[in-house]
Every structure is written in structure tokens, then in C-alpha cells.
Amino acid sequence: MTRHERADIVVIGLGPGGEEVAGRLAEAGLDVVGIEKELVGGECPYWGCVPSKMMIRAANLLAEARRVDSMAGSAAVKPDWAPVARRIRDEATDTWDDKVAVERLEGKGGRFVRGAGAFSKPGHVVVGDLEIEAGRGVVIATGTVPVIPPVKGLADLPYWTNRDAIKTEEVPDSLLVLGGGAIGLELAQVFARFGSHVTVVEGVDRLVSMEEPEASEMIAGVFAAEGIGIRTGSQVTAAHADGQSLVLELADGSSVAGDRLLVATGRKTHFDGLGLDTIGIEAGARWVDVDDHMRAAAGVWAVGDVTGKGLFTHIAMYQAGIAVADILSNTRSDPADYRAIPRVTFTDPEIGSVGLSAAAAEKDGIRVRSGWASLPSSARGWIHKAGNEGFIKLVEDADQGVLVGATSAGPMGGEVLSLLALAVHARVPVAELSSMIFAYPTFHRAIGDALVDLRSKSD
């Protein structure tokens, strides 16, 4: 028999954004029910951001040790995956147990239900044999799942997704990575540095194709130097097993093989069974459309990946704050502003970017002027030497005199990006940026060099 309960707010999906919404509303005194079918906290702490960066940290230590020979003497490096796998289980994921996260939510006054929530009608959510009437509204935060391309034979293979790669306790002798985006490249470099023979297969003509072409060229050069195979512009036509090897057949008639296959071709929403059609939202939609206050329908908000505004934890947390303010005030909160979304690909070197690329800005009708500085040519880059690949690229709206985008690639590209993200977000005039004093010798001083290049191109 169906049980019936009431609550002020029901949150379906407790990834970073959903958990933030549920916790803050509960702390504000609302009766909140959070529903999650997997682990409270979502992809990021258990299979994404946190454990993957632990892997990257370990791999980068190996790379730094190998650079000693050219600069500081000699060092013998013997990779060992065991402490990496152990740290992921002990420190990042608690062996994939969300007991602490559940207790955190309940400690704030929220109620927790394990299961798959779905709308039965407006304002009503069903999970298992429980139906909850939400007096003030429902928040959708169900995240995304990996995209598995419809390649002939692929579904029959024991391929990895990012979750399998994170959980592995052994480094494969050889690894195929299908997908040249951030996730694929980060994990490719990690396993290569731990001794795996890695080949990256990407359908378009360059790696990290959402970034500036210079970033693609830089990371391709780094990967080649590290012995990572790169097959860009390679369409996969079929996949099969050949003994212990997994094989990808390519459109040019060639093939590549590996002991393991990691599929990292993006992520998508999965709304099947959520009952969106009962609240006037198309069930087959790619994203849940929201306004600038995260409202998707009457009494319905959505945050995080499902909105399609950027598949990043920091976007989910940002949107969560807007939704919370809107729900608590019963009036329109400050509208969302996505002009300065930062993102970082945590390869070595890192690729940090914010706002628009030069091509995207031109497509938007902006008269673009670009400034460039090579990191190895900067004082800090010259000092750093081994592993100093990188650059700063600035994208200016030449008519407005402000930056609309920037890329910071280098050993600390994600950290250097912070200044550029602030500049894009606050619309700091390029003339004002050019008057700054940049500490010497730092990586971020290269921003000043890029500004000099930008000014040299002024009208």
C-alpha cells in the first residue's frame, strides 16, 4: 500500500547541487525530503573530481621525480598503484559508503529517502511505496550518466567508464581511451605515467576540442613526448574482443587494441521514469530548461548538470545558491550569470579557461582582439624549465575594451586562471588590467606579457 507524507520541499537527486539545496533549506527551517538512488554527494566525491585528482596528484609526483635527472641530480622512480587505490578508498570515497553524507543532511534537519524519485503529478513525488506531497515545491538535481556511443559490438565488451577507472586496483598493461575530452585525457595521462601503454582515440580533429586550438596543440605535444598514442579524426566503426585484447576498428581501415577500454565520450541526462511529462516538461528533452532563477515550471526548480549550463560541480553549487534564495524569498533572486564560467582540465600541464574562446566570441558577433604569451618565455617558465609548457591567451571584446574569455595553460594553469576569471566576471577594463603590478617572478606575470601583446594590436 502507498504511504503518504507531506513536506515543504522535495529534492530529487543529492549530488553536489541537490545536497546543497536540501541542506540549506533544512537549516532555514523548511521540512525537506532528499531522495537519492545512489550515493549522497553524487559523482564528484566518489567517482569524479575528488578521487580522480588524487590519482592525478600521484601521477604528477612521478612526473616531477622523473624530471630530477635533467635539473637536480638523479632519481629512481618505481610506480606503485597500491597506495593510490588505497587512498581513494580510505580518504576519498570511504569505500563508496555515504553514511557520513546522509548523517550530514539529517544533522541539518533534512529527511532522507533512498530510491528513485519520480513525479506522479504536479507537487507530488513517488519513491518506492511512498508518495510525498511537496507544499512549496520540488527541486530536480538528478545529474548525468556517461554517454556510450552506438558503436557496433561495443555493448558486448567489458569496457570501463570513469567509475571503473577510479575503482581499479591494478594498472592495465595497455589502455585504449575513447574520447579526447577532459575526463579521457586526465585518466589517460595518469595510467600512462603509472606504466600503461595508452592510446587516445578521438573522432574530431583535435583533443580538448572545446578549448582554444593552441591548447589542443600543446597537450598533443606533451602526450606524444610521454609516449601516449593519439588518433584524432578517427571514427570508430566497430569494437570486438580478440583473445584478452579489446579492439577498436577505425574508419580508415586500421585498428587499435588494448587490455582495457575506457569510454569517455561525454555525459547526458537520463530522465527515463522521472515523470517529467506529468508537470509539463518534455520527457525526451536533452536538458531541463530553467530561467535565470532556476525555475523550470510552477513550483519546480532544477540545478546542476540537468540544466545544461555546464557539467561542473561549481556550476551546480552556484545554481543551488540561486534556487535556495528564490525558494526562501518567494520573490525573484539575483539572476544567474554564466559569462565567466571557469573550467580546468587537470592534465599536466593544466588547461584553465574562462568565458568564450576566440572562435565562440566571433560566432557571437563580437569583434575580437587576442593577446598571447608563451609561458616558457616568461621568467618563471624559464626558471621552472622541465614541464614548463603553457601559454596565456586573452580574448578581448575590442569595442567594449573588456575580456570575454581567457586561457591559462601551464603547471598551475587552474590557479593562475583565478585572476582572469575575476576580470571576465567583473568586466574589468583591459586598460585597468594593464596598469596592474604583477609579482615577479610568478606564472601569473605572463598575463602582463599577454596584455602587452594585446595592446600592440589595438586600433
Protein backbone atom coordinates (compact mmCIF):
# COMPACT_ATOMS: atom_id res chain seq x y z
CA MET A 1 0.00 0.00 0.00
CA THR A 2 1.17 3.51 -0.76
CA ARG A 3 2.20 5.60 2.21
CA HIS A 4 1.55 9.35 2.12
CA GLU A 5 3.62 12.13 3.66
CA ARG A 6 3.94 15.88 3.33
CA ALA A 7 6.97 18.14 3.15
CA ASP A 8 7.74 21.71 2.20
CA ILE A 9 10.40 20.79 -0.37
CA VAL A 10 11.38 17.55 -2.08
CA VAL A 11 14.80 17.35 -3.72
CA ILE A 12 15.21 14.56 -6.28
CA GLY A 13 18.91 13.78 -6.59
CA LEU A 14 21.51 14.61 -3.98
CA GLY A 15 24.65 15.30 -5.94
CA PRO A 16 26.61 18.46 -5.04
CA GLY A 17 23.81 20.82 -6.09
CA GLY A 18 20.91 18.81 -4.72
CA GLU A 19 22.64 18.17 -1.41
CA GLU A 20 23.44 21.86 -1.08
CA VAL A 21 19.84 22.87 -1.75
CA ALA A 22 18.42 20.29 0.65
CA GLY A 23 20.87 21.10 3.43
CA ARG A 24 20.50 24.87 3.25
CA LEU A 25 16.71 24.79 3.08
CA ALA A 26 16.59 22.38 6.03
CA GLU A 27 18.88 24.68 8.02
CA ALA A 28 16.50 27.52 7.18
CA GLY A 29 13.69 25.63 8.91
CA LEU A 30 11.85 24.07 6.00
CA ASP A 31 10.71 20.46 6.09
CA VAL A 32 12.89 18.95 3.37
CA VAL A 33 12.98 15.43 1.97
CA GLY A 34 16.05 14.50 -0.07
CA ILE A 35 15.84 11.50 -2.40
CA GLU A 36 18.88 9.71 -3.82
CA LYS A 37 19.07 6.32 -5.50
CA GLU A 38 22.86 6.01 -5.36
CA LEU A 39 25.24 7.91 -3.03
CA VAL A 40 24.55 11.25 -1.36
CA GLY A 41 27.15 13.65 -2.75
CA GLY A 42 26.89 12.37 -6.31
CA GLU A 43 29.54 11.71 -8.91
CA CYS A 44 32.10 14.27 -7.77
CA PRO A 45 33.29 12.92 -4.38
CA TYR A 46 33.03 9.22 -5.21
CA TRP A 47 33.89 8.76 -8.90
CA GLY A 48 34.78 12.18 -10.27
CA CYS A 49 36.51 15.33 -9.10
CA VAL A 50 38.00 14.19 -5.80
CA PRO A 51 39.34 10.66 -6.44
CA SER A 52 40.46 11.49 -9.97
CA LYS A 53 42.51 14.43 -8.69
CA MET A 54 44.08 12.13 -6.10
CA MET A 55 45.15 9.92 -9.00
CA ILE A 56 46.43 12.94 -10.90
CA ARG A 57 48.37 14.17 -7.87
CA ALA A 58 50.10 10.81 -7.60
CA ALA A 59 50.88 10.68 -11.34
CA ASN A 60 52.27 14.23 -11.27
CA LEU A 61 54.60 13.31 -8.41
CA LEU A 62 56.02 10.57 -10.61
CA ALA A 63 56.48 13.02 -13.47
CA GLU A 64 58.25 15.54 -11.22
CA ALA A 65 60.56 12.83 -9.89
CA ARG A 66 61.46 11.86 -13.46
CA ARG A 67 62.42 15.48 -14.16
CA VAL A 68 65.07 15.46 -11.45
CA ASP A 69 67.69 13.96 -13.77
CA SER A 70 67.79 16.99 -16.04
CA MET A 71 67.90 19.58 -13.27
CA ALA A 72 68.88 18.33 -9.82
CA GLY A 73 70.87 15.11 -9.91
CA SER A 74 69.36 11.68 -10.34
CA ALA A 75 66.29 9.86 -9.07
CA ALA A 76 64.96 6.34 -9.41
CA VAL A 77 61.19 6.11 -9.78
CA LYS A 78 59.22 2.91 -9.24
CA PRO A 79 55.47 3.43 -9.77
CA ASP A 80 53.16 1.64 -7.35
CA TRP A 81 49.40 1.85 -7.79
CA ALA A 82 48.59 0.28 -4.40
CA PRO A 83 48.87 3.49 -2.30
CA VAL A 84 46.77 5.36 -4.88
CA ALA A 85 43.95 2.79 -4.79
CA ARG A 86 44.18 2.65 -1.01
CA ARG A 87 43.98 6.44 -0.63
CA ILE A 88 40.93 6.61 -2.89
CA ARG A 89 39.14 4.04 -0.75
CA ASP A 90 40.26 5.40 2.62
CA GLU A 91 40.23 9.15 2.12
CA ALA A 92 38.00 10.00 -0.85
CA THR A 93 35.16 7.53 -1.04
CA ASP A 94 35.03 5.78 2.35
CA THR A 95 34.84 2.65 0.18
CA TRP A 96 31.78 4.07 -1.58
CA ASP A 97 29.68 4.48 1.55
CA ASP A 98 27.67 7.69 2.03
CA LYS A 99 26.83 7.20 5.71
CA VAL A 100 28.63 10.41 6.67
CA ALA A 101 26.87 12.40 3.93
CA VAL A 102 23.44 11.09 4.95
CA GLU A 103 24.14 11.98 8.57
CA ARG A 104 25.28 15.44 7.47
CA LEU A 105 21.94 16.07 5.77
CA GLU A 106 19.92 14.68 8.65
CA GLY A 107 22.00 16.72 11.09
CA LYS A 108 20.80 19.85 9.33
CA GLY A 109 17.19 18.78 9.83
CA GLY A 110 16.54 17.15 6.47
CA ARG A 111 14.89 13.80 5.90
CA PHE A 112 16.48 11.22 3.61
CA VAL A 113 14.88 8.56 1.41
CA ARG A 114 16.91 6.07 -0.62
CA GLY A 115 15.42 5.31 -4.00
CA ALA A 116 14.49 6.69 -7.41
CA GLY A 117 12.08 9.60 -7.12
CA ALA A 118 9.52 10.43 -9.81
CA PHE A 119 6.68 12.89 -10.30
CA SER A 120 3.21 11.37 -10.16
CA LYS A 121 1.55 14.75 -10.71
CA PRO A 122 2.43 18.39 -10.01
CA GLY A 123 3.68 18.76 -6.44
CA HIS A 124 3.72 15.01 -5.78
CA VAL A 125 6.78 12.74 -5.82
CA VAL A 126 6.74 8.97 -5.52
CA VAL A 127 9.68 6.89 -4.34
CA GLY A 128 9.02 3.20 -3.80
CA ASP A 129 5.79 2.84 -1.87
CA LEU A 130 5.98 6.40 -0.52
CA GLU A 131 4.21 9.40 -2.06
CA ILE A 132 5.27 12.82 -0.82
CA GLU A 133 3.24 15.97 -1.35
CA ALA A 134 5.58 18.97 -1.62
CA GLY A 135 3.80 22.04 -0.32
CA ARG A 136 6.30 24.60 -1.63
CA GLY A 137 7.95 22.79 -4.49
CA VAL A 138 10.30 20.20 -5.93
CA VAL A 139 13.93 20.57 -6.99
CA ILE A 140 15.31 18.36 -9.78
CA ALA A 141 19.01 17.55 -9.44
CA THR A 142 19.38 14.10 -10.96
CA GLY A 143 22.72 14.71 -12.71
CA THR A 144 24.03 12.90 -15.76
CA VAL A 145 25.29 9.48 -16.84
CA PRO A 146 28.08 8.53 -19.27
CA VAL A 147 27.38 8.61 -22.99
CA ILE A 148 28.08 5.25 -24.61
CA PRO A 149 28.31 5.70 -28.38
CA PRO A 150 26.32 3.30 -30.59
CA VAL A 151 29.41 1.55 -31.94
CA LYS A 152 28.80 -1.93 -33.33
CA GLY A 153 29.92 -4.52 -30.78
CA LEU A 154 30.80 -2.06 -28.03
CA ALA A 155 27.90 -3.02 -25.76
CA ASP A 156 29.19 -6.61 -25.70
CA LEU A 157 32.61 -5.62 -24.34
CA PRO A 158 33.62 -5.18 -20.69
CA TYR A 159 34.53 -1.52 -21.21
CA TRP A 160 35.30 0.90 -18.41
CA THR A 161 33.53 4.14 -17.64
CA ASN A 162 35.17 6.70 -15.37
CA ARG A 163 33.76 4.83 -12.37
CA ASP A 164 35.58 1.64 -13.28
CA ALA A 165 38.81 3.54 -13.84
CA ILE A 166 38.52 5.15 -10.42
CA LYS A 167 37.81 1.82 -8.72
CA THR A 168 40.57 -0.20 -10.36
CA GLU A 169 43.20 -1.70 -8.10
CA GLU A 170 45.51 -2.56 -10.98
CA VAL A 171 47.05 -0.60 -13.83
CA PRO A 172 46.43 -2.36 -17.15
CA ASP A 173 49.41 -3.13 -19.35
CA SER A 174 47.66 -1.29 -22.16
CA LEU A 175 44.66 1.02 -22.26
CA LEU A 176 42.50 2.43 -25.03
CA VAL A 177 40.76 5.70 -24.23
CA LEU A 178 37.78 6.50 -26.44
CA GLY A 179 37.28 10.25 -26.14
CA GLY A 180 39.72 13.15 -26.12
CA GLY A 181 37.91 15.45 -23.70
CA ALA A 182 38.88 16.39 -20.16
CA ILE A 183 37.99 13.10 -18.45
CA GLY A 184 39.62 10.94 -21.10
CA LEU A 185 42.84 12.95 -21.19
CA GLU A 186 43.22 13.22 -17.42
CA LEU A 187 42.86 9.48 -16.93
CA ALA A 188 44.97 8.66 -20.00
CA GLN A 189 47.92 10.60 -18.60
CA VAL A 190 47.51 9.08 -15.14
CA PHE A 191 47.63 5.49 -16.35
CA ALA A 192 50.44 6.22 -18.80
CA ARG A 193 52.57 7.65 -16.01
CA PHE A 194 51.96 4.51 -13.99
CA GLY A 195 53.26 2.36 -16.81
CA SER A 196 50.30 1.60 -19.04
CA HIS A 197 50.69 1.82 -22.82
CA VAL A 198 47.88 4.26 -23.63
CA THR A 199 46.24 5.23 -26.92
CA VAL A 200 43.63 8.01 -27.14
CA VAL A 201 41.07 7.79 -29.94
CA GLU A 202 39.10 10.94 -30.74
CA GLY A 203 36.58 11.39 -33.53
CA VAL A 204 37.16 15.10 -34.20
CA ASP A 205 40.42 16.51 -35.48
CA ARG A 206 41.91 17.66 -32.17
CA LEU A 207 41.99 16.91 -28.45
CA VAL A 208 40.00 19.05 -25.97
CA SER A 209 38.10 20.47 -28.92
CA MET A 210 36.07 22.83 -26.72
CA GLU A 211 39.28 24.69 -25.83
CA GLU A 212 41.46 27.01 -27.88
CA PRO A 213 43.37 25.30 -30.73
CA GLU A 214 46.64 26.25 -29.02
CA ALA A 215 45.62 24.17 -26.00
CA SER A 216 44.94 21.18 -28.24
CA GLU A 217 48.33 21.55 -29.91
CA MET A 218 50.11 21.90 -26.57
CA ILE A 219 48.58 18.84 -24.93
CA ALA A 220 49.06 16.73 -28.05
CA GLY A 221 52.76 17.58 -27.97
CA VAL A 222 53.03 16.72 -24.29
CA PHE A 223 51.25 13.40 -24.77
CA ALA A 224 53.44 12.48 -27.72
CA ALA A 225 56.56 13.23 -25.66
CA GLU A 226 55.25 10.97 -22.90
CA GLY A 227 54.63 8.13 -25.34
CA ILE A 228 50.83 8.35 -25.33
CA GLY A 229 49.37 7.38 -28.69
CA ILE A 230 46.97 9.87 -30.28
CA ARG A 231 44.48 9.07 -33.02
CA THR A 232 42.47 12.22 -33.73
CA GLY A 233 39.99 12.46 -36.58
CA SER A 234 39.41 8.74 -36.13
CA GLN A 235 35.85 7.45 -36.31
CA VAL A 236 35.30 4.10 -34.61
CA THR A 237 33.22 1.77 -36.77
CA ALA A 238 33.19 -1.36 -34.64
CA ALA A 239 34.57 -2.93 -31.49
CA HIS A 240 35.34 -6.52 -30.60
CA ALA A 241 37.42 -8.76 -28.38
CA ASP A 242 40.42 -10.63 -29.73
CA GLY A 243 41.53 -13.04 -27.03
CA GLN A 244 42.42 -10.91 -24.00
CA SER A 245 42.56 -7.69 -26.04
CA LEU A 246 39.78 -5.23 -26.81
CA VAL A 247 39.91 -3.85 -30.32
CA LEU A 248 38.55 -0.68 -31.90
CA GLU A 249 38.20 -0.73 -35.68
CA LEU A 250 38.62 2.67 -37.31
CA ALA A 251 37.09 4.16 -40.44
CA ASP A 252 40.45 4.33 -42.24
CA GLY A 253 40.74 0.53 -42.07
CA SER A 254 43.23 0.45 -39.21
CA SER A 255 42.61 -0.73 -35.67
CA VAL A 256 43.96 -0.23 -32.16
CA ALA A 257 43.94 -2.72 -29.28
CA GLY A 258 44.38 -2.70 -25.53
CA ASP A 259 43.85 -4.80 -22.44
CA ARG A 260 41.27 -2.31 -21.21
CA LEU A 261 38.97 0.18 -22.92
CA LEU A 262 37.87 3.39 -21.20
CA VAL A 263 34.84 5.05 -22.79
CA ALA A 264 34.94 8.78 -22.04
CA THR A 265 32.78 10.32 -24.75
CA GLY A 266 30.77 12.73 -22.64
CA ARG A 267 27.74 12.66 -20.37
CA LYS A 268 23.99 13.00 -20.83
CA THR A 269 20.85 13.41 -18.75
CA HIS A 270 18.74 10.37 -18.03
CA PHE A 271 15.13 11.33 -17.40
CA ASP A 272 13.51 7.94 -18.01
CA GLY A 273 10.98 7.22 -15.29
CA LEU A 274 11.20 10.69 -13.75
CA GLY A 275 7.67 11.60 -14.82
CA LEU A 276 8.56 14.99 -16.27
CA ASP A 277 5.59 14.83 -18.63
CA THR A 278 3.25 14.98 -15.61
CA ILE A 279 4.49 18.51 -14.83
CA GLY A 280 4.53 19.83 -18.38
CA ILE A 281 8.20 19.17 -19.21
CA GLU A 282 9.01 17.11 -22.29
CA ALA A 283 10.22 13.70 -21.12
CA GLY A 284 12.60 13.36 -24.06
CA ALA A 285 14.24 16.74 -23.54
CA ARG A 286 18.03 16.89 -23.52
CA TRP A 287 18.04 19.30 -20.58
CA VAL A 288 15.55 20.79 -18.14
CA ASP A 289 15.16 24.37 -19.29
CA VAL A 290 15.35 26.85 -16.42
CA ASP A 291 15.06 30.60 -16.19
CA ASP A 292 17.66 32.82 -14.54
CA HIS A 293 16.29 31.84 -11.12
CA MET A 294 16.41 28.07 -11.70
CA ARG A 295 12.65 27.78 -12.18
CA ALA A 296 11.64 25.04 -14.59
CA ALA A 297 7.86 25.07 -14.06
CA ALA A 298 5.37 26.22 -11.46
CA GLY A 299 6.74 25.02 -8.13
CA VAL A 300 9.68 23.25 -9.79
CA TRP A 301 13.35 24.22 -9.78
CA ALA A 302 16.33 22.44 -11.34
CA VAL A 303 20.04 22.71 -10.60
CA GLY A 304 23.27 21.14 -11.78
CA ASP A 305 24.05 19.06 -14.84
CA VAL A 306 20.39 18.63 -15.78
CA THR A 307 20.17 22.32 -16.75
CA GLY A 308 22.89 22.01 -19.41
CA LYS A 309 24.66 25.17 -18.27
CA GLY A 310 27.96 23.39 -17.61
CA LEU A 311 28.69 19.93 -16.26
CA PHE A 312 30.75 21.14 -13.32
CA THR A 313 30.37 20.90 -9.55
CA HIS A 314 30.94 24.64 -9.23
CA ILE A 315 28.01 25.34 -11.57
CA ALA A 316 25.74 23.06 -9.53
CA MET A 317 26.76 24.81 -6.29
CA TYR A 318 26.30 28.24 -7.86
CA GLN A 319 22.83 27.35 -9.13
CA ALA A 320 21.95 25.82 -5.76
CA GLY A 321 22.51 29.18 -4.08
CA ILE A 322 20.21 30.91 -6.57
CA ALA A 323 17.48 28.29 -6.14
CA VAL A 324 17.69 28.44 -2.34
CA ALA A 325 17.36 32.23 -2.38
CA ASP A 326 14.42 32.05 -4.76
CA ILE A 327 12.60 29.41 -2.71
CA LEU A 328 13.12 31.18 0.60
CA SER A 329 12.22 34.66 -0.57
CA ASN A 330 9.19 33.78 -2.70
CA THR A 331 10.45 36.54 -4.97
CA ARG A 332 12.98 36.54 -7.77
CA SER A 333 16.54 36.06 -6.54
CA ASP A 334 19.54 37.63 -8.27
CA PRO A 335 19.60 36.17 -11.79
CA ALA A 336 22.19 33.65 -12.91
CA ASP A 337 25.14 34.99 -14.87
CA TYR A 338 27.14 32.47 -16.90
CA ARG A 339 29.51 34.89 -18.67
CA ALA A 340 32.53 33.84 -16.61
CA ILE A 341 32.23 30.08 -16.15
CA PRO A 342 35.70 28.74 -15.30
CA ARG A 343 36.83 25.23 -16.16
CA VAL A 344 40.07 23.31 -15.78
CA THR A 345 41.35 20.20 -17.49
CA PHE A 346 43.71 18.75 -14.89
CA THR A 347 46.28 17.31 -17.22
CA ASP A 348 49.93 18.22 -16.70
CA PRO A 349 50.18 20.98 -17.77
CA GLU A 350 46.72 22.15 -16.69
CA ILE A 351 44.39 23.89 -19.12
CA GLY A 352 42.31 26.54 -17.39
CA SER A 353 39.81 28.62 -19.31
CA VAL A 354 37.01 31.05 -18.62
CA GLY A 355 34.30 32.62 -20.73
CA LEU A 356 34.43 32.46 -24.52
CA SER A 357 37.11 31.14 -26.83
CA ALA A 358 38.13 33.42 -29.66
CA ALA A 359 36.08 31.37 -32.14
CA ALA A 360 32.99 31.35 -29.90
CA ALA A 361 33.24 35.09 -29.37
CA GLU A 362 33.45 35.72 -33.11
CA LYS A 363 30.46 33.44 -33.65
CA ASP A 364 28.55 35.62 -31.18
CA GLY A 365 29.30 38.65 -33.35
CA ILE A 366 31.97 40.13 -31.09
CA ARG A 367 34.86 41.98 -32.70
CA VAL A 368 37.71 40.01 -31.20
CA ARG A 369 41.24 41.00 -30.40
CA SER A 370 43.58 38.38 -28.89
CA GLY A 371 46.73 38.63 -26.80
CA TRP A 372 49.25 35.84 -26.35
CA ALA A 373 52.21 35.00 -24.15
CA SER A 374 54.31 31.84 -24.11
CA LEU A 375 54.89 30.50 -20.61
CA PRO A 376 58.38 29.08 -21.29
CA SER A 377 59.39 32.57 -22.45
CA SER A 378 58.35 34.13 -19.13
CA ALA A 379 60.82 34.46 -16.29
CA ARG A 380 59.04 31.86 -14.13
CA GLY A 381 58.67 29.49 -17.06
CA TRP A 382 62.39 29.79 -17.85
CA ILE A 383 63.24 29.13 -14.20
CA HIS A 384 60.78 26.22 -13.97
CA LYS A 385 62.23 24.65 -17.14
CA ALA A 386 61.26 20.93 -17.12
CA GLY A 387 57.50 20.66 -17.53
CA ASN A 388 57.06 24.35 -18.28
CA GLU A 389 54.81 24.03 -21.34
CA GLY A 390 51.99 26.55 -21.43
CA PHE A 391 50.66 29.92 -22.50
CA ILE A 392 48.26 32.73 -21.69
CA LYS A 393 45.67 33.70 -24.28
CA LEU A 394 43.36 36.67 -23.79
CA VAL A 395 40.16 37.26 -25.78
CA GLU A 396 39.02 40.89 -25.78
CA ASP A 397 35.81 42.49 -26.95
CA ALA A 398 37.62 45.17 -28.93
CA ASP A 399 34.62 47.50 -28.93
CA GLN A 400 33.97 47.27 -25.18
CA GLY A 401 37.59 47.06 -24.09
CA VAL A 402 36.98 44.12 -21.73
CA LEU A 403 37.95 40.47 -21.70
CA VAL A 404 35.24 38.00 -22.68
CA GLY A 405 37.45 34.94 -22.37
CA ALA A 406 40.90 33.71 -21.47
CA THR A 407 43.01 30.57 -21.28
CA SER A 408 45.74 29.87 -18.77
CA ALA A 409 47.69 26.73 -19.64
CA GLY A 410 50.69 25.66 -17.64
CA PRO A 411 51.98 23.92 -14.49
CA MET A 412 49.48 25.90 -12.38
CA GLY A 413 47.05 26.88 -15.09
CA GLY A 414 43.96 26.39 -12.94
CA GLU A 415 45.30 28.61 -10.17
CA VAL A 416 46.52 31.37 -12.48
CA LEU A 417 43.06 31.34 -14.06
CA SER A 418 41.51 32.94 -10.95
CA LEU A 419 42.69 36.43 -11.85
CA LEU A 420 41.39 36.07 -15.38
CA ALA A 421 38.05 34.70 -14.19
CA LEU A 422 37.65 37.75 -11.96
CA ALA A 423 38.48 40.04 -14.86
CA VAL A 424 35.87 38.46 -17.13
CA HIS A 425 33.24 38.29 -14.38
CA ALA A 426 33.68 41.89 -13.22
CA ARG A 427 34.24 43.28 -16.71
CA VAL A 428 37.47 44.89 -15.62
CA PRO A 429 38.68 47.18 -18.44
CA VAL A 430 41.74 45.88 -20.24
CA ALA A 431 43.33 49.28 -19.65
CA GLU A 432 42.88 48.77 -15.91
CA LEU A 433 44.36 45.27 -16.05
CA SER A 434 47.33 46.64 -17.95
CA SER A 435 48.07 49.07 -15.12
CA MET A 436 48.39 46.26 -12.56
CA ILE A 437 51.65 45.27 -10.93
CA PHE A 438 52.27 41.53 -11.44
CA ALA A 439 54.62 39.93 -8.91
CA TYR A 440 57.99 38.84 -10.29
CA PRO A 441 58.79 36.02 -10.99
CA THR A 442 55.42 34.28 -10.96
CA PHE A 443 53.48 32.30 -13.54
CA HIS A 444 50.66 34.82 -13.45
CA ARG A 445 53.07 37.56 -14.51
CA ALA A 446 52.73 36.09 -18.00
CA ILE A 447 49.27 37.68 -18.02
CA GLY A 448 51.06 41.02 -18.16
CA ASP A 449 53.05 39.84 -21.17
CA ALA A 450 49.81 38.80 -22.91
CA LEU A 451 48.33 42.23 -22.16
CA VAL A 452 51.35 43.89 -23.78
CA ASP A 453 50.74 41.75 -26.88
CA LEU A 454 47.05 42.68 -26.78
CA ARG A 455 47.81 46.42 -26.58
CA SER A 456 50.18 46.11 -29.53
CA LYS A 457 47.20 45.11 -31.66
CA SER A 458 44.93 47.97 -30.56
CA ASP A 459 43.32 50.22 -33.15
